[in-house]
Amino acid sequence: KQRYGILKISRGKVNYFDNSKKKSDVYINGGFFVISKTVVKLIKNNNTYLESEPFKKIIKKNKLYSYKHNGFWASMDTLKDKVDLDKIANIKGKLPWEAN
């Protein structure tokens, strides 16, 4: 089960976004966005969830793009995440987040 939104990407364009956290082997949304002022205008109020209505509209217009990061990535949103990353950091040898 994924903890993050799932993306389907074709030639850099996002053509599907699912935040329902179903089990999948596709790319996840790591939560980093670069957006234009026109996207900000799609956010109607504090209850508008960016990955819901605004992203769906942008996908329909074929205007949502992505960057596929194939290197190491891990979140540190919870204490468990921190503990897991500390375990990795304490292993001898090159750390997975260090550049080649």
PDB file of N, CA and C in Angstrom:
ATOM      1  N   LYS A   1       0.846  -1.191   0.000  1.00  0.00           N
ATOM      2  CA  LYS A   1       0.000   0.000   0.000  1.00  0.00           C
ATOM      3  C   LYS A   1       0.879   1.237   0.000  1.00  0.00           C
ATOM      4  N   GLN A   2       0.615   2.130  -0.908  1.00  0.00           N
ATOM      5  CA  GLN A   2       1.397   3.361  -1.027  1.00  0.00           C
ATOM      6  C   GLN A   2       0.939   4.391  -0.014  1.00  0.00           C
ATOM      7  N   ARG A   3       1.873   5.163   0.518  1.00  0.00           N
ATOM      8  CA  ARG A   3       1.546   6.262   1.425  1.00  0.00           C
ATOM      9  C   ARG A   3       1.381   7.573   0.682  1.00  0.00           C
ATOM     10  N   TYR A   4       1.683   7.586  -0.606  1.00  0.00           N
ATOM     11  CA  TYR A   4       1.727   8.837  -1.360  1.00  0.00           C
ATOM     12  C   TYR A   4       0.886   8.726  -2.617  1.00  0.00           C
ATOM     13  N   GLY A   5       0.586   9.867  -3.225  1.00  0.00           N
ATOM     14  CA  GLY A   5      -0.162   9.877  -4.470  1.00  0.00           C
ATOM     15  C   GLY A   5       0.606   9.176  -5.575  1.00  0.00           C
ATOM     16  N   ILE A   6      -0.103   8.458  -6.412  1.00  0.00           N
ATOM     17  CA  ILE A   6       0.496   7.668  -7.489  1.00  0.00           C
ATOM     18  C   ILE A   6       0.365   8.424  -8.803  1.00  0.00           C
ATOM     19  N   LEU A   7       1.457   8.429  -9.576  1.00  0.00           N
ATOM     20  CA  LEU A   7       1.475   9.100 -10.871  1.00  0.00           C
ATOM     21  C   LEU A   7       1.683   8.100 -11.992  1.00  0.00           C
ATOM     22  N   LYS A   8       1.032   8.322 -13.112  1.00  0.00           N
ATOM     23  CA  LYS A   8       1.373   7.623 -14.354  1.00  0.00           C
ATOM     24  C   LYS A   8       1.908   8.701 -15.278  1.00  0.00           C
ATOM     25  N   ILE A   9       3.080   8.434 -15.842  1.00  0.00           N
ATOM     26  CA  ILE A   9       3.800   9.454 -16.589  1.00  0.00           C
ATOM     27  C   ILE A   9       4.124   8.931 -17.991  1.00  0.00           C
ATOM     28  N   SER A  10       3.910   9.772 -18.992  1.00  0.00           N
ATOM     29  CA  SER A  10       4.256   9.422 -20.358  1.00  0.00           C
ATOM     30  C   SER A  10       4.988  10.605 -20.979  1.00  0.00           C
ATOM     31  N   ARG A  11       6.249  10.410 -21.336  1.00  0.00           N
ATOM     32  CA  ARG A  11       7.084  11.465 -21.929  1.00  0.00           C
ATOM     33  C   ARG A  11       7.108  12.735 -21.085  1.00  0.00           C
ATOM     34  N   GLY A  12       7.214  12.555 -19.792  1.00  0.00           N
ATOM     35  CA  GLY A  12       7.308  13.689 -18.890  1.00  0.00           C
ATOM     36  C   GLY A  12       5.984  14.288 -18.467  1.00  0.00           C
ATOM     37  N   LYS A  13       4.896  13.942 -19.147  1.00  0.00           N
ATOM     38  CA  LYS A  13       3.580  14.481 -18.794  1.00  0.00           C
ATOM     39  C   LYS A  13       2.860  13.523 -17.862  1.00  0.00           C
ATOM     40  N   VAL A  14       2.248  14.093 -16.849  1.00  0.00           N
ATOM     41  CA  VAL A  14       1.424  13.287 -15.942  1.00  0.00           C
ATOM     42  C   VAL A  14       0.071  13.109 -16.610  1.00  0.00           C
ATOM     43  N   ASN A  15      -0.338  11.842 -16.841  1.00  0.00           N
ATOM     44  CA  ASN A  15      -1.637  11.608 -17.449  1.00  0.00           C
ATOM     45  C   ASN A  15      -2.610  10.919 -16.499  1.00  0.00           C
ATOM     46  N   TYR A  16      -2.156  10.692 -15.259  1.00  0.00           N
ATOM     47  CA  TYR A  16      -3.028  10.091 -14.256  1.00  0.00           C
ATOM     48  C   TYR A  16      -2.459  10.404 -12.883  1.00  0.00           C
ATOM     49  N   PHE A  17      -3.327  10.764 -11.954  1.00  0.00           N
ATOM     50  CA  PHE A  17      -2.918  11.045 -10.583  1.00  0.00           C
ATOM     51  C   PHE A  17      -3.942  10.416  -9.671  1.00  0.00           C
ATOM     52  N   ASP A  18      -3.496   9.567  -8.729  1.00  0.00           N
ATOM     53  CA  ASP A  18      -4.405   8.891  -7.808  1.00  0.00           C
ATOM     54  C   ASP A  18      -3.853   9.020  -6.398  1.00  0.00           C
ATOM     55  N   ASN A  19      -4.610   9.625  -5.531  1.00  0.00           N
ATOM     56  CA  ASN A  19      -4.179   9.807  -4.151  1.00  0.00           C
ATOM     57  C   ASN A  19      -4.896   8.838  -3.212  1.00  0.00           C
ATOM     58  N   SER A  20      -5.514   7.773  -3.770  1.00  0.00           N
ATOM     59  CA  SER A  20      -6.295   6.847  -2.945  1.00  0.00           C
ATOM     60  C   SER A  20      -5.427   5.838  -2.203  1.00  0.00           C
ATOM     61  N   LYS A  21      -4.127   5.834  -2.457  1.00  0.00           N
ATOM     62  CA  LYS A  21      -3.160   4.991  -1.756  1.00  0.00           C
ATOM     63  C   LYS A  21      -3.374   3.485  -2.003  1.00  0.00           C
ATOM     64  N   LYS A  22      -3.748   3.131  -3.222  1.00  0.00           N
ATOM     65  CA  LYS A  22      -3.861   1.727  -3.591  1.00  0.00           C
ATOM     66  C   LYS A  22      -2.477   1.135  -3.812  1.00  0.00           C
ATOM     67  N   LYS A  23      -2.363  -0.180  -3.701  1.00  0.00           N
ATOM     68  CA  LYS A  23      -1.082  -0.837  -3.960  1.00  0.00           C
ATOM     69  C   LYS A  23      -0.755  -0.693  -5.446  1.00  0.00           C
ATOM     70  N   SER A  24       0.507  -0.341  -5.722  1.00  0.00           N
ATOM     71  CA  SER A  24       0.886  -0.121  -7.114  1.00  0.00           C
ATOM     72  C   SER A  24       2.401  -0.138  -7.252  1.00  0.00           C
ATOM     73  N   ASP A  25       2.885  -0.345  -8.458  1.00  0.00           N
ATOM     74  CA  ASP A  25       4.322  -0.325  -8.716  1.00  0.00           C
ATOM     75  C   ASP A  25       4.690   0.843  -9.635  1.00  0.00           C
ATOM     76  N   VAL A  26       3.869   1.890  -9.654  1.00  0.00           N
ATOM     77  CA  VAL A  26       4.133   3.054 -10.484  1.00  0.00           C
ATOM     78  C   VAL A  26       4.794   4.140  -9.650  1.00  0.00           C
ATOM     79  N   TYR A  27       5.154   5.240 -10.291  1.00  0.00           N
ATOM     80  CA  TYR A  27       5.797   6.349  -9.587  1.00  0.00           C
ATOM     81  C   TYR A  27       4.863   6.968  -8.564  1.00  0.00           C
ATOM     82  N   ILE A  28       5.443   7.498  -7.495  1.00  0.00           N
ATOM     83  CA  ILE A  28       4.650   8.178  -6.479  1.00  0.00           C
ATOM     84  C   ILE A  28       4.863   9.678  -6.562  1.00  0.00           C
ATOM     85  N   ASN A  29       3.945  10.406  -5.973  1.00  0.00           N
ATOM     86  CA  ASN A  29       4.076  11.854  -5.876  1.00  0.00           C
ATOM     87  C   ASN A  29       4.898  12.157  -4.637  1.00  0.00           C
ATOM     88  N   GLY A  30       6.112  12.662  -4.833  1.00  0.00           N
ATOM     89  CA  GLY A  30       6.973  13.005  -3.708  1.00  0.00           C
ATOM     90  C   GLY A  30       6.615  14.331  -3.061  1.00  0.00           C
ATOM     91  N   GLY A  31       5.681  15.049  -3.636  1.00  0.00           N
ATOM     92  CA  GLY A  31       5.170  16.259  -3.012  1.00  0.00           C
ATOM     93  C   GLY A  31       5.900  17.540  -3.329  1.00  0.00           C
ATOM     94  N   PHE A  32       6.719  17.560  -4.361  1.00  0.00           N
ATOM     95  CA  PHE A  32       7.412  18.785  -4.757  1.00  0.00           C
ATOM     96  C   PHE A  32       6.758  19.322  -6.024  1.00  0.00           C
ATOM     97  N   PHE A  33       6.341  20.581  -5.980  1.00  0.00           N
ATOM     98  CA  PHE A  33       5.626  21.155  -7.115  1.00  0.00           C
ATOM     99  C   PHE A  33       6.212  22.499  -7.516  1.00  0.00           C
ATOM    100  N   VAL A  34       6.216  22.748  -8.818  1.00  0.00           N
ATOM    101  CA  VAL A  34       6.485  24.078  -9.364  1.00  0.00           C
ATOM    102  C   VAL A  34       5.221  24.398 -10.146  1.00  0.00           C
ATOM    103  N   ILE A  35       4.512  25.444  -9.711  1.00  0.00           N
ATOM    104  CA  ILE A  35       3.232  25.745 -10.335  1.00  0.00           C
ATOM    105  C   ILE A  35       3.181  27.195 -10.806  1.00  0.00           C
ATOM    106  N   SER A  36       2.332  27.429 -11.795  1.00  0.00           N
ATOM    107  CA  SER A  36       2.183  28.783 -12.333  1.00  0.00           C
ATOM    108  C   SER A  36       1.059  29.520 -11.599  1.00  0.00           C
ATOM    109  N   LYS A  37       0.975  30.809 -11.857  1.00  0.00           N
ATOM    110  CA  LYS A  37      -0.080  31.624 -11.254  1.00  0.00           C
ATOM    111  C   LYS A  37      -1.466  31.150 -11.698  1.00  0.00           C
ATOM    112  N   THR A  38      -1.556  30.595 -12.899  1.00  0.00           N
ATOM    113  CA  THR A  38      -2.862  30.111 -13.364  1.00  0.00           C
ATOM    114  C   THR A  38      -3.341  28.929 -12.532  1.00  0.00           C
ATOM    115  N   VAL A  39      -2.414  28.128 -12.050  1.00  0.00           N
ATOM    116  CA  VAL A  39      -2.781  27.004 -11.181  1.00  0.00           C
ATOM    117  C   VAL A  39      -3.247  27.519  -9.824  1.00  0.00           C
ATOM    118  N   VAL A  40      -2.579  28.521  -9.314  1.00  0.00           N
ATOM    119  CA  VAL A  40      -2.972  29.109  -8.029  1.00  0.00           C
ATOM    120  C   VAL A  40      -4.414  29.609  -8.110  1.00  0.00           C
ATOM    121  N   LYS A  41      -4.802  30.144  -9.258  1.00  0.00           N
ATOM    122  CA  LYS A  41      -6.171  30.638  -9.436  1.00  0.00           C
ATOM    123  C   LYS A  41      -7.208  29.516  -9.374  1.00  0.00           C
ATOM    124  N   LEU A  42      -6.788  28.268  -9.604  1.00  0.00           N
ATOM    125  CA  LEU A  42      -7.706  27.124  -9.516  1.00  0.00           C
ATOM    126  C   LEU A  42      -7.997  26.722  -8.068  1.00  0.00           C
ATOM    127  N   ILE A  43      -7.230  27.249  -7.151  1.00  0.00           N
ATOM    128  CA  ILE A  43      -7.439  26.966  -5.730  1.00  0.00           C
ATOM    129  C   ILE A  43      -8.478  27.970  -5.228  1.00  0.00           C
ATOM    130  N   LYS A  44      -9.674  27.483  -4.996  1.00  0.00           N
ATOM    131  CA  LYS A  44     -10.799  28.367  -4.679  1.00  0.00           C
ATOM    132  C   LYS A  44     -10.787  28.871  -3.241  1.00  0.00           C
ATOM    133  N   ASN A  45     -10.375  28.013  -2.311  1.00  0.00           N
ATOM    134  CA  ASN A  45     -10.371  28.399  -0.894  1.00  0.00           C
ATOM    135  C   ASN A  45      -9.457  27.455  -0.115  1.00  0.00           C
ATOM    136  N   ASN A  46      -9.418  27.609   1.183  1.00  0.00           N
ATOM    137  CA  ASN A  46      -8.540  26.779   2.023  1.00  0.00           C
ATOM    138  C   ASN A  46      -8.957  25.317   2.061  1.00  0.00           C
ATOM    139  N   ASN A  47     -10.134  24.999   1.559  1.00  0.00           N
ATOM    140  CA  ASN A  47     -10.604  23.611   1.530  1.00  0.00           C
ATOM    141  C   ASN A  47     -10.315  22.917   0.200  1.00  0.00           C
ATOM    142  N   THR A  48      -9.735  23.642  -0.743  1.00  0.00           N
ATOM    143  CA  THR A  48      -9.391  23.052  -2.039  1.00  0.00           C
ATOM    144  C   THR A  48      -8.110  22.243  -1.896  1.00  0.00           C
ATOM    145  N   TYR A  49      -8.202  20.975  -2.218  1.00  0.00           N
ATOM    146  CA  TYR A  49      -7.062  20.065  -2.139  1.00  0.00           C
ATOM    147  C   TYR A  49      -6.365  20.068  -3.503  1.00  0.00           C
ATOM    148  N   LEU A  50      -5.139  20.568  -3.558  1.00  0.00           N
ATOM    149  CA  LEU A  50      -4.410  20.752  -4.817  1.00  0.00           C
ATOM    150  C   LEU A  50      -4.416  19.514  -5.697  1.00  0.00           C
ATOM    151  N   GLU A  51      -4.174  18.338  -5.086  1.00  0.00           N
ATOM    152  CA  GLU A  51      -4.092  17.109  -5.871  1.00  0.00           C
ATOM    153  C   GLU A  51      -5.455  16.592  -6.319  1.00  0.00           C
ATOM    154  N   SER A  52      -6.497  17.275  -5.946  1.00  0.00           N
ATOM    155  CA  SER A  52      -7.827  16.845  -6.346  1.00  0.00           C
ATOM    156  C   SER A  52      -8.293  17.658  -7.557  1.00  0.00           C
ATOM    157  N   GLU A  53      -9.190  18.579  -7.358  1.00  0.00           N
ATOM    158  CA  GLU A  53      -9.785  19.322  -8.476  1.00  0.00           C
ATOM    159  C   GLU A  53      -8.775  20.070  -9.354  1.00  0.00           C
ATOM    160  N   PRO A  54      -7.858  20.886  -8.797  1.00  0.00           N
ATOM    161  CA  PRO A  54      -6.917  21.602  -9.676  1.00  0.00           C
ATOM    162  C   PRO A  54      -6.073  20.673 -10.557  1.00  0.00           C
ATOM    163  N   PHE A  55      -5.485  19.632  -9.980  1.00  0.00           N
ATOM    164  CA  PHE A  55      -4.655  18.725 -10.782  1.00  0.00           C
ATOM    165  C   PHE A  55      -5.480  18.002 -11.837  1.00  0.00           C
ATOM    166  N   LYS A  56      -6.681  17.604 -11.492  1.00  0.00           N
ATOM    167  CA  LYS A  56      -7.524  16.910 -12.470  1.00  0.00           C
ATOM    168  C   LYS A  56      -7.813  17.806 -13.678  1.00  0.00           C
ATOM    169  N   LYS A  57      -8.061  19.089 -13.429  1.00  0.00           N
ATOM    170  CA  LYS A  57      -8.303  20.032 -14.526  1.00  0.00           C
ATOM    171  C   LYS A  57      -7.056  20.182 -15.390  1.00  0.00           C
ATOM    172  N   ILE A  58      -5.897  20.263 -14.755  1.00  0.00           N
ATOM    173  CA  ILE A  58      -4.641  20.432 -15.493  1.00  0.00           C
ATOM    174  C   ILE A  58      -4.322  19.180 -16.316  1.00  0.00           C
ATOM    175  N   ILE A  59      -4.588  18.007 -15.754  1.00  0.00           N
ATOM    176  CA  ILE A  59      -4.357  16.755 -16.484  1.00  0.00           C
ATOM    177  C   ILE A  59      -5.263  16.695 -17.710  1.00  0.00           C
ATOM    178  N   LYS A  60      -6.522  17.091 -17.571  1.00  0.00           N
ATOM    179  CA  LYS A  60      -7.449  17.092 -18.716  1.00  0.00           C
ATOM    180  C   LYS A  60      -6.942  17.981 -19.843  1.00  0.00           C
ATOM    181  N   LYS A  61      -6.261  19.069 -19.481  1.00  0.00           N
ATOM    182  CA  LYS A  61      -5.695  19.977 -20.483  1.00  0.00           C
ATOM    183  C   LYS A  61      -4.337  19.498 -20.982  1.00  0.00           C
ATOM    184  N   ASN A  62      -3.877  18.360 -20.464  1.00  0.00           N
ATOM    185  CA  ASN A  62      -2.588  17.783 -20.853  1.00  0.00           C
ATOM    186  C   ASN A  62      -1.432  18.732 -20.527  1.00  0.00           C
ATOM    187  N   LYS A  63      -1.499  19.378 -19.362  1.00  0.00           N
ATOM    188  CA  LYS A  63      -0.516  20.392 -18.983  1.00  0.00           C
ATOM    189  C   LYS A  63       0.228  20.092 -17.682  1.00  0.00           C
ATOM    190  N   LEU A  64       0.066  18.904 -17.119  1.00  0.00           N
ATOM    191  CA  LEU A  64       0.781  18.564 -15.881  1.00  0.00           C
ATOM    192  C   LEU A  64       2.006  17.730 -16.246  1.00  0.00           C
ATOM    193  N   TYR A  65       3.167  18.212 -15.867  1.00  0.00           N
ATOM    194  CA  TYR A  65       4.425  17.554 -16.205  1.00  0.00           C
ATOM    195  C   TYR A  65       5.094  17.016 -14.950  1.00  0.00           C
ATOM    196  N   SER A  66       6.102  16.185 -15.164  1.00  0.00           N
ATOM    197  CA  SER A  66       6.781  15.574 -14.027  1.00  0.00           C
ATOM    198  C   SER A  66       8.272  15.433 -14.297  1.00  0.00           C
ATOM    199  N   TYR A  67       8.975  15.124 -13.241  1.00  0.00           N
ATOM    200  CA  TYR A  67      10.387  14.773 -13.329  1.00  0.00           C
ATOM    201  C   TYR A  67      10.536  13.426 -12.648  1.00  0.00           C
ATOM    202  N   LYS A  68      11.040  12.445 -13.383  1.00  0.00           N
ATOM    203  CA  LYS A  68      11.242  11.116 -12.804  1.00  0.00           C
ATOM    204  C   LYS A  68      12.604  11.065 -12.121  1.00  0.00           C
ATOM    205  N   HIS A  69      12.570  10.902 -10.828  1.00  0.00           N
ATOM    206  CA  HIS A  69      13.810  10.751 -10.056  1.00  0.00           C
ATOM    207  C   HIS A  69      14.004   9.264  -9.807  1.00  0.00           C
ATOM    208  N   ASN A  70      15.066   8.702 -10.367  1.00  0.00           N
ATOM    209  CA  ASN A  70      15.313   7.260 -10.226  1.00  0.00           C
ATOM    210  C   ASN A  70      16.333   6.937  -9.148  1.00  0.00           C
ATOM    211  N   GLY A  71      16.827   7.961  -8.480  1.00  0.00           N
ATOM    212  CA  GLY A  71      17.785   7.732  -7.404  1.00  0.00           C
ATOM    213  C   GLY A  71      17.093   7.440  -6.090  1.00  0.00           C
ATOM    214  N   PHE A  72      17.851   7.500  -5.023  1.00  0.00           N
ATOM    215  CA  PHE A  72      17.308   7.245  -3.692  1.00  0.00           C
ATOM    216  C   PHE A  72      16.371   8.371  -3.282  1.00  0.00           C
ATOM    217  N   TRP A  73      15.233   7.997  -2.721  1.00  0.00           N
ATOM    218  CA  TRP A  73      14.307   8.964  -2.159  1.00  0.00           C
ATOM    219  C   TRP A  73      13.571   8.282  -1.011  1.00  0.00           C
ATOM    220  N   ALA A  74      13.429   8.987   0.063  1.00  0.00           N
ATOM    221  CA  ALA A  74      12.639   8.495   1.188  1.00  0.00           C
ATOM    222  C   ALA A  74      12.048   9.684   1.906  1.00  0.00           C
ATOM    223  N   SER A  75      10.866   9.510   2.425  1.00  0.00           N
ATOM    224  CA  SER A  75      10.255  10.598   3.180  1.00  0.00           C
ATOM    225  C   SER A  75      10.736  10.533   4.625  1.00  0.00           C
ATOM    226  N   MET A  76      10.610  11.654   5.298  1.00  0.00           N
ATOM    227  CA  MET A  76      10.866  11.674   6.728  1.00  0.00           C
ATOM    228  C   MET A  76       9.724  12.460   7.373  1.00  0.00           C
ATOM    229  N   ASP A  77       8.538  11.871   7.263  1.00  0.00           N
ATOM    230  CA  ASP A  77       7.326  12.503   7.764  1.00  0.00           C
ATOM    231  C   ASP A  77       6.970  12.050   9.179  1.00  0.00           C
ATOM    232  N   THR A  78       7.484  10.900   9.578  1.00  0.00           N
ATOM    233  CA  THR A  78       7.099  10.325  10.863  1.00  0.00           C
ATOM    234  C   THR A  78       8.341   9.907  11.643  1.00  0.00           C
ATOM    235  N   LEU A  79       8.149   9.616  12.906  1.00  0.00           N
ATOM    236  CA  LEU A  79       9.258   9.122  13.717  1.00  0.00           C
ATOM    237  C   LEU A  79       9.781   7.798  13.157  1.00  0.00           C
ATOM    238  N   LYS A  80       8.889   6.940  12.673  1.00  0.00           N
ATOM    239  CA  LYS A  80       9.315   5.671  12.074  1.00  0.00           C
ATOM    240  C   LYS A  80      10.209   5.922  10.865  1.00  0.00           C
ATOM    241  N   ASP A  81       9.861   6.899  10.031  1.00  0.00           N
ATOM    242  CA  ASP A  81      10.699   7.248   8.882  1.00  0.00           C
ATOM    243  C   ASP A  81      12.091   7.660   9.348  1.00  0.00           C
ATOM    244  N   LYS A  82      12.166   8.474  10.391  1.00  0.00           N
ATOM    245  CA  LYS A  82      13.453   8.921  10.914  1.00  0.00           C
ATOM    246  C   LYS A  82      14.269   7.743  11.430  1.00  0.00           C
ATOM    247  N   VAL A  83      13.621   6.860  12.174  1.00  0.00           N
ATOM    248  CA  VAL A  83      14.312   5.677  12.711  1.00  0.00           C
ATOM    249  C   VAL A  83      14.846   4.826  11.561  1.00  0.00           C
ATOM    250  N   ASP A  84      14.043   4.620  10.530  1.00  0.00           N
ATOM    251  CA  ASP A  84      14.476   3.830   9.366  1.00  0.00           C
ATOM    252  C   ASP A  84      15.666   4.473   8.666  1.00  0.00           C
ATOM    253  N   LEU A  85      15.632   5.795   8.479  1.00  0.00           N
ATOM    254  CA  LEU A  85      16.746   6.488   7.837  1.00  0.00           C
ATOM    255  C   LEU A  85      17.996   6.490   8.724  1.00  0.00           C
ATOM    256  N   ASP A  86      17.812   6.583  10.030  1.00  0.00           N
ATOM    257  CA  ASP A  86      18.959   6.481  10.946  1.00  0.00           C
ATOM    258  C   ASP A  86      19.630   5.117  10.823  1.00  0.00           C
ATOM    259  N   LYS A  87      18.833   4.070  10.676  1.00  0.00           N
ATOM    260  CA  LYS A  87      19.391   2.712  10.509  1.00  0.00           C
ATOM    261  C   LYS A  87      20.236   2.644   9.236  1.00  0.00           C
ATOM    262  N   ILE A  88      19.731   3.207   8.155  1.00  0.00           N
ATOM    263  CA  ILE A  88      20.475   3.224   6.892  1.00  0.00           C
ATOM    264  C   ILE A  88      21.772   4.014   7.065  1.00  0.00           C
ATOM    265  N   ALA A  89      21.680   5.155   7.746  1.00  0.00           N
ATOM    266  CA  ALA A  89      22.852   6.025   7.925  1.00  0.00           C
ATOM    267  C   ALA A  89      23.932   5.352   8.759  1.00  0.00           C
ATOM    268  N   ASN A  90      23.561   4.416   9.615  1.00  0.00           N
ATOM    269  CA  ASN A  90      24.525   3.754  10.489  1.00  0.00           C
ATOM    270  C   ASN A  90      25.175   2.530   9.855  1.00  0.00           C
ATOM    271  N   ILE A  91      24.750   2.174   8.652  1.00  0.00           N
ATOM    272  CA  ILE A  91      25.362   1.054   7.930  1.00  0.00           C
ATOM    273  C   ILE A  91      26.677   1.531   7.328  1.00  0.00           C
ATOM    274  N   LYS A  92      27.710   0.727   7.456  1.00  0.00           N
ATOM    275  CA  LYS A  92      29.027   1.083   6.910  1.00  0.00           C
ATOM    276  C   LYS A  92      28.962   1.110   5.387  1.00  0.00           C
ATOM    277  N   GLY A  93      29.729   1.990   4.785  1.00  0.00           N
ATOM    278  CA  GLY A  93      29.784   2.082   3.327  1.00  0.00           C
ATOM    279  C   GLY A  93      29.123   3.340   2.831  1.00  0.00           C
ATOM    280  N   LYS A  94      28.955   3.407   1.531  1.00  0.00           N
ATOM    281  CA  LYS A  94      28.389   4.598   0.899  1.00  0.00           C
ATOM    282  C   LYS A  94      26.893   4.705   1.190  1.00  0.00           C
ATOM    283  N   LEU A  95      26.466   5.884   1.528  1.00  0.00           N
ATOM    284  CA  LEU A  95      25.060   6.126   1.814  1.00  0.00           C
ATOM    285  C   LEU A  95      24.282   6.245   0.502  1.00  0.00           C
ATOM    286  N   PRO A  96      23.054   5.712   0.438  1.00  0.00           N
ATOM    287  CA  PRO A  96      22.315   5.709  -0.831  1.00  0.00           C
ATOM    288  C   PRO A  96      21.970   7.097  -1.363  1.00  0.00           C
ATOM    289  N   TRP A  97      21.973   8.108  -0.497  1.00  0.00           N
ATOM    290  CA  TRP A  97      21.645   9.453  -0.953  1.00  0.00           C
ATOM    291  C   TRP A  97      22.863  10.264  -1.366  1.00  0.00           C
ATOM    292  N   GLU A  98      24.051   9.699  -1.249  1.00  0.00           N
ATOM    293  CA  GLU A  98      25.259  10.396  -1.694  1.00  0.00           C
ATOM    294  C   GLU A  98      25.403  10.294  -3.207  1.00  0.00           C
ATOM    295  N   ALA A  99      25.885  11.353  -3.806  1.00  0.00           N
ATOM    296  CA  ALA A  99      26.106  11.361  -5.260  1.00  0.00           C
ATOM    297  C   ALA A  99      27.218  10.374  -5.620  1.00  0.00           C
ATOM    298  N   ASN A 100      27.133   9.876  -6.853  1.00  0.00           N
ATOM    299  CA  ASN A 100      28.152   8.920  -7.340  1.00  0.00           C
ATOM    300  C   ASN A 100      29.514   9.546  -7.453  1.00  0.00           C
TER     301      ASN A 100
END
